[in-house]
């Protein structure tokens, strides 16, 4: 049986959306992360333009959401990495993380490039990416909500 730790854990959601599709996914991730049964996780949800090194220092776990643009993450997600990497280098403890992607094609390029970049951070991928292809569906939103809930619950009970 798992015992819930009493300390509050911090979950950072960093996202970017141009058309609103990834924003809808972010809303579902946030809903899951703030599930009423999860009591000891504080969630900070920031657009890529607002998130910075101090947010990563604060976090115990990270969720990254981006559209796939030209087989890559959004430029603003890449900018977030560019603005934070050297500032937090050698300061962070390993952080569990997961990815959610909205795309018109297949999303694998964005996932591949995020994984490549975060090898430089102490990030450990703890959930498979949620990739929602084409139109945002209820099934895609449910998968995102489950992703947010899984990461928050994992932090709360000390799995990650």
Protein backbone atom coordinates (compact mmCIF):
# COMPACT_ATOMS: atom_id res chain seq x y z
CA UNK A 1 0.00 0.00 0.00
CA UNK A 2 1.30 3.47 -0.91
CA UNK A 3 1.40 6.15 1.73
CA UNK A 4 0.71 9.71 0.71
CA UNK A 5 3.50 12.04 1.71
CA UNK A 6 2.40 15.14 3.62
CA UNK A 7 4.72 17.61 1.89
CA UNK A 8 3.31 19.63 -0.96
CA UNK A 9 4.79 18.81 -4.33
CA UNK A 10 5.04 21.19 -7.26
CA UNK A 11 3.93 20.37 -10.80
CA UNK A 12 4.88 22.77 -13.59
CA UNK A 13 2.92 22.77 -16.84
CA UNK A 14 4.61 24.68 -19.67
CA UNK A 15 2.64 25.00 -22.88
CA UNK A 16 2.35 26.84 -26.17
CA UNK A 17 -0.53 27.07 -28.63
CA UNK A 18 -1.11 29.17 -31.71
CA UNK A 19 -4.42 27.80 -33.01
CA UNK A 20 -5.92 26.89 -29.64
CA UNK A 21 -5.62 23.11 -30.09
CA UNK A 22 -2.72 22.64 -27.68
CA UNK A 23 -4.41 25.06 -25.29
CA UNK A 24 -7.44 22.76 -25.19
CA UNK A 25 -5.14 19.84 -24.41
CA UNK A 26 -3.45 21.93 -21.70
CA UNK A 27 -6.84 22.65 -20.14
CA UNK A 28 -7.51 18.90 -19.94
CA UNK A 29 -4.03 18.21 -18.49
CA UNK A 30 -4.61 20.95 -15.91
CA UNK A 31 -8.02 19.53 -14.99
CA UNK A 32 -6.45 16.13 -14.36
CA UNK A 33 -3.56 17.58 -12.37
CA UNK A 34 -6.02 19.45 -10.16
CA UNK A 35 -8.29 16.46 -9.59
CA UNK A 36 -10.04 16.84 -6.21
CA UNK A 37 -8.55 13.57 -4.92
CA UNK A 38 -5.03 15.02 -5.32
CA UNK A 39 -4.51 17.22 -2.29
CA UNK A 40 -0.77 17.75 -1.90
CA UNK A 41 0.24 18.98 -5.33
CA UNK A 42 0.44 22.63 -6.22
CA UNK A 43 0.15 23.22 -9.97
CA UNK A 44 1.73 26.12 -11.81
CA UNK A 45 0.53 26.38 -15.42
CA UNK A 46 2.48 28.82 -17.58
CA UNK A 47 2.63 29.77 -21.23
CA UNK A 48 6.11 29.26 -22.65
CA UNK A 49 6.60 33.03 -22.79
CA UNK A 50 6.01 33.30 -19.03
CA UNK A 51 7.92 30.24 -17.76
CA UNK A 52 11.56 30.58 -16.79
CA UNK A 53 14.42 29.16 -14.74
CA UNK A 54 12.84 29.92 -11.37
CA UNK A 55 9.78 27.89 -12.35
CA UNK A 56 12.00 24.89 -13.08
CA UNK A 57 13.80 25.36 -9.76
CA UNK A 58 10.38 25.36 -8.04
CA UNK A 59 9.11 22.23 -9.79
CA UNK A 60 9.17 18.61 -8.67
CA UNK A 61 7.68 17.48 -12.02
CA UNK A 62 7.07 18.98 -15.46
CA UNK A 63 4.49 18.59 -18.21
CA UNK A 64 5.36 20.06 -21.62
CA UNK A 65 2.73 20.81 -24.25
CA UNK A 66 3.32 22.04 -27.78
CA UNK A 67 1.95 21.85 -31.28
CA UNK A 68 4.08 20.14 -33.86
CA UNK A 69 5.23 22.69 -36.43
CA UNK A 70 7.09 21.42 -39.51
CA UNK A 71 7.94 18.18 -37.70
CA UNK A 72 9.32 20.07 -34.70
CA UNK A 73 8.12 21.59 -31.42
CA UNK A 74 6.86 25.17 -31.55
CA UNK A 75 9.48 27.90 -31.70
CA UNK A 76 8.26 29.20 -28.36
CA UNK A 77 8.83 25.82 -26.69
CA UNK A 78 12.36 25.78 -28.12
CA UNK A 79 12.78 29.35 -26.82
CA UNK A 80 11.76 28.16 -23.34
CA UNK A 81 14.54 25.57 -23.46
CA UNK A 82 17.01 28.16 -24.78
CA UNK A 83 16.14 30.59 -21.96
CA UNK A 84 16.39 28.05 -19.16
CA UNK A 85 19.06 25.48 -19.90
CA UNK A 86 22.25 27.26 -18.86
CA UNK A 87 20.46 29.11 -16.06
CA UNK A 88 19.54 25.85 -14.29
CA UNK A 89 22.44 23.68 -15.43
CA UNK A 90 23.73 21.60 -12.50
CA UNK A 91 21.06 23.03 -10.15
CA UNK A 92 18.09 20.72 -10.65
CA UNK A 93 17.43 17.36 -9.11
CA UNK A 94 16.06 14.84 -11.64
CA UNK A 95 12.52 15.86 -12.58
CA UNK A 96 9.86 13.47 -13.82
CA UNK A 97 8.27 14.80 -16.99
CA UNK A 98 5.82 13.98 -19.76
CA UNK A 99 4.81 15.49 -23.10
CA UNK A 100 1.51 16.30 -24.82
CA UNK A 101 1.36 17.26 -28.50
CA UNK A 102 -1.29 18.43 -30.91
CA UNK A 103 -0.48 17.92 -34.56
CA UNK A 104 -1.82 17.64 -38.05
CA UNK A 105 0.66 14.98 -39.09
CA UNK A 106 2.08 12.44 -36.66
CA UNK A 107 3.72 14.33 -33.76
CA UNK A 108 6.76 12.08 -33.63
CA UNK A 109 9.16 14.81 -34.77
CA UNK A 110 8.21 17.11 -31.91
CA UNK A 111 8.48 14.28 -29.39
CA UNK A 112 11.87 13.21 -30.77
CA UNK A 113 13.30 16.74 -30.57
CA UNK A 114 11.97 17.42 -27.08
CA UNK A 115 13.47 14.14 -25.90
CA UNK A 116 16.79 15.06 -27.52
CA UNK A 117 16.90 18.47 -25.81
CA UNK A 118 15.84 17.32 -22.35
CA UNK A 119 18.71 14.84 -22.23
CA UNK A 120 20.71 17.92 -21.20
CA UNK A 121 18.35 18.61 -18.31
CA UNK A 122 17.92 16.16 -15.49
CA UNK A 123 14.44 15.18 -16.81
CA UNK A 124 13.18 11.60 -16.61
CA UNK A 125 10.26 10.71 -18.87
CA UNK A 126 7.72 8.87 -16.72
CA UNK A 127 4.70 8.63 -19.03
CA UNK A 128 4.34 7.97 -22.74
CA UNK A 129 3.60 11.16 -24.70
CA UNK A 130 0.01 11.94 -25.53
CA UNK A 131 -0.19 12.85 -29.22
CA UNK A 132 -3.51 14.10 -30.53
CA UNK A 133 -3.57 14.07 -34.30
CA UNK A 134 -5.95 16.23 -36.30
CA UNK A 135 -9.12 17.51 -34.73
CA UNK A 136 -9.22 17.56 -30.93
CA UNK A 137 -11.54 14.78 -29.81
CA UNK A 138 -13.08 13.84 -26.48
CA UNK A 139 -10.82 10.78 -26.46
CA UNK A 140 -7.75 13.01 -26.87
CA UNK A 141 -8.93 15.31 -24.10
CA UNK A 142 -9.53 12.34 -21.80
CA UNK A 143 -6.02 11.02 -22.46
CA UNK A 144 -4.60 14.45 -21.58
CA UNK A 145 -6.66 14.64 -18.41
CA UNK A 146 -5.36 11.19 -17.43
CA UNK A 147 -1.80 12.33 -18.14
CA UNK A 148 -2.14 15.33 -15.82
CA UNK A 149 -3.75 13.21 -13.14
CA UNK A 150 -1.10 10.47 -13.41
CA UNK A 151 1.82 12.84 -13.04
CA UNK A 152 0.25 14.75 -10.15
CA UNK A 153 -0.81 11.57 -8.33
CA UNK A 154 2.65 10.07 -8.86
CA UNK A 155 4.24 13.14 -7.30
CA UNK A 156 1.80 13.09 -4.41
CA UNK A 157 2.45 9.48 -3.42
CA UNK A 158 6.19 9.67 -4.03
CA UNK A 159 6.42 7.36 -7.05
CA UNK A 160 8.45 9.97 -8.92
